Amino acid sequence: MAAMNGDGTGTGSGGGSGAAPVSRRWSGDWGLPVEPRPAEVDVLIPTIGRIAELAVTLAGLCAQDDPPFSVVVSDQSPDGAALRAPAVQAMVRVLRAQGREVRLLRHERRGLAEHRQFLLDQSSAPLSLFLDDDVWLEPGSIERMRNALLALDCGFVGSAVQGLSYLDDRRPHQRTAFELWEGPVEPERIRTDQPSIERASLHAAANLVHVAEELRVERGGWLPYKIAWLGGCVLYRRDALVEAGGFDFWKDLPPIHSGEDVAAEWRVMERFGAAGIVPSGAVHLEAPTTVPDRRVEVRDVIFGAGADAAASSR
């Protein structure tokens, strides 16, 4: 497949003469009243117990020119300290000065899946970007994902998070499952006992950085590839995610679980298909996990023996 141009309409610098307008207001306009503008993307960030990482995540959003987006941060920390932290508040002020609507919410802890469903319920834009609170985005990342999703006409696309401390750790044996989508993105059924699950290793360490190095995609462009699932930075067509049930399986889970994003993605993939895009501009901050107990894997609960029929009927 030929690399797709990722520049899209609406790119450019806000300060240059004759430049195309962007939705991000530049610093010369920060003192002006903000004119409400419908968001194409709702960026949904679940967080708990992280301050520095959340501030870095928001800083990455500050560098995104387009498309128009809003931000919803939902904090499950008992004291809500992250939302009050100076670094977080500073980035929120920048986003608002840039013309972005930002909502900061507190939410009782009922599990990861319920938290994501809560965030989905807060959204209304056509596209929903679930962004983890420990991911920095390269400038232009949201626009590339938006352009890819519209061009591919599938359920979701994502930019796999990459750990740049692994740049010198080359793992060719974990990249053998890499496969581009050469034609239209098709629905797929992924399970742990199928060969397609081998694609999961593509997103370990800095594997996707090394894939991009070999592909030499034109600057600003992207290529779609087949995934087992994709965590940390996933852009959904909101209607597709809702039609597939969202994260409504949270009611069937104990409060402590992991892998809720995988289960939701598999349901969307079966109906609408999905793709990762390469290069990925998403950088994992490599902070300690906030989910140390992974004994309950949601995909095993939802798609385990005897569960396929029930899950498909949701």
Protein backbone atom coordinates (compact mmCIF):
# COMPACT_ATOMS: atom_id res chain seq x y z
CA MET A 1 0.00 0.00 0.00
CA ALA A 2 1.30 3.43 -0.88
CA ALA A 3 1.92 5.71 2.08
CA MET A 4 -0.93 8.09 2.70
CA ASN A 5 -0.33 11.82 2.94
CA GLY A 6 -0.93 12.88 6.53
CA ASP A 7 -0.91 16.64 6.02
CA GLY A 8 -4.67 17.02 5.47
CA THR A 9 -6.54 20.30 5.28
CA GLY A 10 -6.21 22.80 8.07
CA THR A 11 -2.51 22.32 8.74
CA GLY A 12 0.01 25.11 8.93
CA SER A 13 1.36 27.72 11.30
CA GLY A 14 -0.97 30.16 12.98
CA GLY A 15 1.50 32.99 12.63
CA GLY A 16 2.69 32.74 9.06
CA SER A 17 1.43 35.00 6.29
CA GLY A 18 -1.00 33.13 4.04
CA ALA A 19 -0.88 29.99 6.16
CA ALA A 20 -3.93 27.79 6.33
CA PRO A 21 -5.89 28.36 9.55
CA VAL A 22 -5.58 25.85 12.37
CA SER A 23 -7.93 25.21 15.24
CA ARG A 24 -5.19 25.77 17.84
CA ARG A 25 -5.07 29.48 18.70
CA TRP A 26 -1.55 30.83 18.77
CA SER A 27 -0.14 32.91 21.63
CA GLY A 28 -1.00 36.19 19.94
CA ASP A 29 -4.70 35.36 20.35
CA TRP A 30 -4.68 33.99 23.89
CA GLY A 31 -6.06 37.22 25.35
CA LEU A 32 -9.06 37.28 23.03
CA PRO A 33 -12.44 35.77 23.93
CA VAL A 34 -12.73 32.14 22.89
CA GLU A 35 -15.33 31.52 20.21
CA PRO A 36 -17.05 28.16 20.77
CA ARG A 37 -16.25 25.66 18.04
CA PRO A 38 -17.66 22.13 17.70
CA ALA A 39 -15.09 19.46 18.47
CA GLU A 40 -14.39 16.71 15.95
CA VAL A 41 -12.61 14.68 18.61
CA ASP A 42 -13.20 14.25 22.33
CA VAL A 43 -9.91 13.31 24.01
CA LEU A 44 -10.80 11.09 26.98
CA ILE A 45 -8.13 10.64 29.66
CA PRO A 46 -8.67 8.34 32.65
CA THR A 47 -6.17 9.01 35.43
CA ILE A 48 -5.34 8.00 38.97
CA GLY A 49 -2.35 8.81 41.15
CA ARG A 50 -0.26 10.52 38.47
CA ILE A 51 0.75 14.17 38.39
CA ALA A 52 3.94 14.56 36.35
CA GLU A 53 2.78 12.03 33.76
CA LEU A 54 -0.62 13.68 33.37
CA ALA A 55 1.03 17.08 32.91
CA VAL A 56 3.28 15.68 30.17
CA THR A 57 0.28 14.05 28.48
CA LEU A 58 -1.57 17.38 28.47
CA ALA A 59 1.55 19.14 27.18
CA GLY A 60 1.50 16.81 24.19
CA LEU A 61 -2.08 17.86 23.49
CA CYS A 62 -1.04 21.53 23.64
CA ALA A 63 1.18 20.90 20.60
CA GLN A 64 -1.65 19.55 18.41
CA ASP A 65 -2.82 22.00 15.73
CA ASP A 66 -5.83 20.10 14.41
CA PRO A 67 -8.52 18.85 14.28
CA PRO A 68 -10.69 20.82 16.74
CA PHE A 69 -10.84 18.76 19.93
CA SER A 70 -12.02 18.90 23.50
CA VAL A 71 -10.48 17.20 26.53
CA VAL A 72 -12.12 15.32 29.38
CA VAL A 73 -9.90 14.21 32.27
CA SER A 74 -11.48 11.92 34.85
CA ASP A 75 -9.52 11.38 38.07
CA GLN A 76 -10.16 8.44 40.40
CA SER A 77 -7.58 9.50 42.99
CA PRO A 78 -9.12 9.67 46.48
CA ASP A 79 -7.98 13.26 47.04
CA GLY A 80 -8.03 14.60 43.47
CA ALA A 81 -4.52 15.97 43.98
CA ALA A 82 -3.48 15.49 40.35
CA LEU A 83 -6.14 17.85 39.04
CA ARG A 84 -5.01 20.59 41.45
CA ALA A 85 -1.27 20.21 40.79
CA PRO A 86 0.38 23.37 39.41
CA ALA A 87 1.87 21.63 36.35
CA VAL A 88 -1.46 20.08 35.42
CA GLN A 89 -3.34 23.33 35.98
CA ALA A 90 -0.80 25.21 33.85
CA MET A 91 -1.33 22.87 30.89
CA VAL A 92 -5.09 23.10 31.31
CA ARG A 93 -4.82 26.90 31.12
CA VAL A 94 -2.75 26.64 27.94
CA LEU A 95 -5.27 24.31 26.31
CA ARG A 96 -8.13 26.64 27.19
CA ALA A 97 -6.21 29.66 25.90
CA GLN A 98 -5.69 27.73 22.68
CA GLY A 99 -9.45 27.41 22.32
CA ARG A 100 -9.93 23.88 23.65
CA GLU A 101 -12.74 23.00 26.02
CA VAL A 102 -11.29 21.12 29.01
CA ARG A 103 -13.38 19.38 31.66
CA LEU A 104 -11.81 18.03 34.85
CA LEU A 105 -13.94 15.45 36.61
CA ARG A 106 -13.72 13.32 39.74
CA HIS A 107 -15.12 9.81 39.60
CA GLU A 108 -15.55 7.05 42.15
CA ARG A 109 -13.35 4.02 41.58
CA ARG A 110 -15.37 1.09 40.22
CA GLY A 111 -12.80 -0.49 37.94
CA LEU A 112 -11.03 0.37 34.70
CA ALA A 113 -13.85 -0.69 32.39
CA GLU A 114 -16.46 1.35 34.25
CA HIS A 115 -14.14 4.35 34.19
CA ARG A 116 -13.81 4.13 30.41
CA GLN A 117 -17.56 3.74 30.02
CA PHE A 118 -18.06 6.82 32.19
CA LEU A 119 -15.73 8.79 29.93
CA LEU A 120 -17.46 7.52 26.80
CA ASP A 121 -20.77 8.68 28.26
CA GLN A 122 -19.31 12.19 28.67
CA SER A 123 -18.39 12.41 24.99
CA SER A 124 -20.47 13.69 22.10
CA ALA A 125 -18.03 14.40 19.25
CA PRO A 126 -18.02 12.05 16.24
CA LEU A 127 -14.61 10.68 17.24
CA SER A 128 -13.40 9.57 20.68
CA LEU A 129 -9.68 9.38 21.46
CA PHE A 130 -8.93 7.28 24.53
CA LEU A 131 -5.52 8.49 25.66
CA ASP A 132 -3.72 7.04 28.67
CA ASP A 133 -2.32 9.44 31.25
CA ASP A 134 1.28 8.42 30.55
CA VAL A 135 1.50 9.06 26.80
CA TRP A 136 3.11 12.02 25.02
CA LEU A 137 1.95 12.72 21.47
CA GLU A 138 4.16 14.05 18.71
CA PRO A 139 2.75 17.21 17.07
CA GLY A 140 0.35 16.23 14.30
CA SER A 141 -0.52 12.85 15.81
CA ILE A 142 -4.24 13.45 16.32
CA GLU A 143 -4.60 14.85 12.81
CA ARG A 144 -2.83 11.83 11.29
CA MET A 145 -5.08 9.45 13.20
CA ARG A 146 -8.18 11.41 12.21
CA ASN A 147 -7.16 11.40 8.56
CA ALA A 148 -6.39 7.68 8.70
CA LEU A 149 -9.71 6.81 10.34
CA LEU A 150 -11.69 8.77 7.76
CA ALA A 151 -9.69 7.32 4.85
CA LEU A 152 -9.88 3.73 6.07
CA ASP A 153 -13.54 3.92 7.11
CA CYS A 154 -13.11 1.39 9.92
CA GLY A 155 -14.05 1.24 13.59
CA PHE A 156 -10.85 2.63 15.08
CA VAL A 157 -7.22 3.39 14.40
CA GLY A 158 -4.45 3.79 16.91
CA SER A 159 -0.88 4.90 17.47
CA ALA A 160 0.89 2.27 19.52
CA VAL A 161 2.84 3.65 22.47
CA GLN A 162 6.59 3.24 22.17
CA GLY A 163 9.24 3.10 24.87
CA LEU A 164 12.17 5.09 23.56
CA SER A 165 14.51 3.71 26.21
CA TYR A 166 14.49 0.62 23.94
CA LEU A 167 15.73 2.39 20.80
CA ASP A 168 18.92 0.31 20.80
CA ASP A 169 17.08 -2.91 21.71
CA ARG A 170 16.28 -4.41 18.32
CA ARG A 171 13.94 -7.40 18.37
CA PRO A 172 13.41 -8.63 14.80
CA HIS A 173 11.83 -11.85 16.10
CA GLN A 174 8.98 -9.77 17.55
CA ARG A 175 8.34 -7.99 14.25
CA THR A 176 7.77 -11.01 12.03
CA ALA A 177 3.98 -10.70 12.36
CA PHE A 178 3.94 -7.17 10.92
CA GLU A 179 1.56 -6.97 7.96
CA LEU A 180 0.23 -3.92 6.17
CA TRP A 181 -3.38 -3.60 5.16
CA GLU A 182 -2.96 -3.73 1.37
CA GLY A 183 -6.64 -3.20 0.60
CA PRO A 184 -9.69 -2.08 2.55
CA VAL A 185 -9.61 -2.70 6.29
CA GLU A 186 -11.86 -5.70 6.97
CA PRO A 187 -13.57 -6.93 10.15
CA GLU A 188 -11.47 -9.47 12.03
CA ARG A 189 -12.09 -11.92 14.85
CA ILE A 190 -9.11 -12.00 17.22
CA ARG A 191 -8.72 -14.60 19.97
CA THR A 192 -5.81 -15.80 22.08
CA ASP A 193 -5.75 -19.19 20.32
CA GLN A 194 -5.44 -17.74 16.80
CA PRO A 195 -2.25 -16.94 14.85
CA SER A 196 -3.28 -13.27 14.65
CA ILE A 197 -2.58 -12.92 18.38
CA GLU A 198 1.14 -13.01 17.49
CA ARG A 199 0.75 -9.42 16.29
CA ALA A 200 0.67 -8.35 19.95
CA SER A 201 4.47 -8.47 20.12
CA LEU A 202 4.68 -5.67 17.54
CA HIS A 203 3.94 -3.15 20.27
CA ALA A 204 6.60 -4.25 22.75
CA ALA A 205 9.60 -2.03 23.52
CA ALA A 206 10.43 0.15 20.47
CA ASN A 207 9.52 -2.41 17.82
CA LEU A 208 7.29 -0.04 15.88
CA VAL A 209 10.06 2.57 15.75
CA HIS A 210 12.24 -0.01 14.03
CA VAL A 211 9.42 -0.98 11.65
CA ALA A 212 9.03 2.69 10.70
CA GLU A 213 12.78 2.95 10.17
CA GLU A 214 12.57 0.17 7.58
CA LEU A 215 9.45 1.51 5.82
CA ARG A 216 10.74 5.08 5.38
CA VAL A 217 7.28 6.64 5.20
CA GLU A 218 7.19 10.19 3.84
CA ARG A 219 7.19 12.81 6.60
CA GLY A 220 3.64 13.41 7.81
CA GLY A 221 2.34 10.26 6.12
CA TRP A 222 1.11 6.96 7.50
CA LEU A 223 0.56 3.33 6.61
CA PRO A 224 -2.14 1.07 8.12
CA TYR A 225 -1.17 -2.32 9.54
CA LYS A 226 -2.95 -5.26 11.14
CA ILE A 227 -3.12 -5.47 14.92
CA ALA A 228 -4.11 -7.89 17.65
CA TRP A 229 -5.06 -4.92 19.80
CA LEU A 230 -3.61 -1.53 20.56
CA GLY A 231 -3.35 0.22 23.91
CA GLY A 232 -2.76 3.73 25.18
CA CYS A 233 -3.81 5.86 22.19
CA VAL A 234 -6.90 4.70 20.30
CA LEU A 235 -9.18 6.85 18.13
CA TYR A 236 -12.67 5.40 17.70
CA ARG A 237 -15.59 6.31 15.60
CA ARG A 238 -17.84 6.95 18.56
CA ASP A 239 -20.88 5.43 16.88
CA ALA A 240 -18.96 2.23 16.15
CA LEU A 241 -17.78 1.88 19.74
CA VAL A 242 -21.27 2.51 21.10
CA GLU A 243 -22.86 0.07 18.64
CA ALA A 244 -20.39 -2.60 19.73
CA GLY A 245 -21.38 -2.06 23.37
CA GLY A 246 -18.60 0.23 24.53
CA PHE A 247 -17.36 -0.96 27.90
CA ASP A 248 -20.76 -2.11 29.14
CA PHE A 249 -19.25 -5.41 30.27
CA TRP A 250 -17.94 -3.60 33.35
CA LYS A 251 -21.01 -4.83 35.24
CA ASP A 252 -19.84 -8.43 34.73
CA LEU A 253 -16.39 -7.81 36.20
CA PRO A 254 -14.86 -7.58 39.65
CA PRO A 255 -13.58 -4.07 40.42
CA ILE A 256 -9.94 -5.13 40.03
CA HIS A 257 -9.18 -6.21 36.46
CA SER A 258 -7.04 -5.36 33.44
CA GLY A 259 -7.26 -5.51 29.67
CA GLU A 260 -10.63 -3.79 29.37
CA ASP A 261 -9.44 -1.95 26.27
CA VAL A 262 -8.63 -5.23 24.52
CA ALA A 263 -12.15 -6.59 25.02
CA ALA A 264 -13.78 -3.41 23.72
CA GLU A 265 -11.46 -3.30 20.72
CA TRP A 266 -12.14 -6.90 19.77
CA ARG A 267 -15.87 -6.24 19.71
CA VAL A 268 -15.37 -3.22 17.44
CA MET A 269 -12.92 -5.11 15.21
CA GLU A 270 -15.42 -7.91 14.62
CA ARG A 271 -17.98 -5.45 13.30
CA PHE A 272 -15.99 -2.69 11.64
CA GLY A 273 -12.32 -3.63 11.44
CA ALA A 274 -9.39 -1.61 12.78
CA ALA A 275 -5.78 -0.69 12.09
CA GLY A 276 -2.67 0.66 13.67
CA ILE A 277 -0.80 3.38 11.83
CA VAL A 278 2.93 3.62 11.33
CA PRO A 279 4.90 5.70 12.13
CA SER A 280 3.39 6.19 15.56
CA GLY A 281 3.90 9.51 17.29
CA ALA A 282 2.88 8.13 20.69
CA VAL A 283 5.60 7.86 23.33
CA HIS A 284 5.15 5.81 26.49
CA LEU A 285 6.51 7.63 29.52
CA GLU A 286 7.53 4.29 31.05
CA ALA A 287 6.23 5.19 34.48
CA PRO A 288 5.40 2.42 36.98
CA THR A 289 2.02 0.85 36.27
CA THR A 290 -1.05 1.88 38.24
CA VAL A 291 -2.54 -1.60 37.58
CA PRO A 292 -0.23 -4.01 39.43
CA ASP A 293 -2.90 -6.70 39.94
CA ARG A 294 -3.60 -8.35 36.58
CA ARG A 295 -5.02 -11.65 37.74
CA VAL A 296 -8.39 -10.93 36.10
CA GLU A 297 -7.91 -10.42 32.36
CA VAL A 298 -11.09 -9.00 30.85
CA ARG A 299 -10.68 -10.70 27.49
CA ASP A 300 -10.64 -14.07 29.26
CA VAL A 301 -13.83 -13.22 31.14
CA ILE A 302 -15.69 -11.90 28.10
CA PHE A 303 -14.28 -14.16 25.39
CA GLY A 304 -13.31 -17.24 27.39
CA ALA A 305 -14.89 -20.68 27.01
CA GLY A 306 -18.64 -20.31 26.69
CA ALA A 307 -18.50 -16.52 26.64
CA ASP A 308 -18.26 -15.87 22.89
CA ALA A 309 -21.97 -16.20 22.21
CA ALA A 310 -22.92 -13.94 25.09
CA ALA A 311 -20.34 -11.33 24.11
CA SER A 312 -21.43 -11.35 20.47
CA SER A 313 -25.04 -10.70 21.44
CA ARG A 314 -24.26 -7.52 23.36
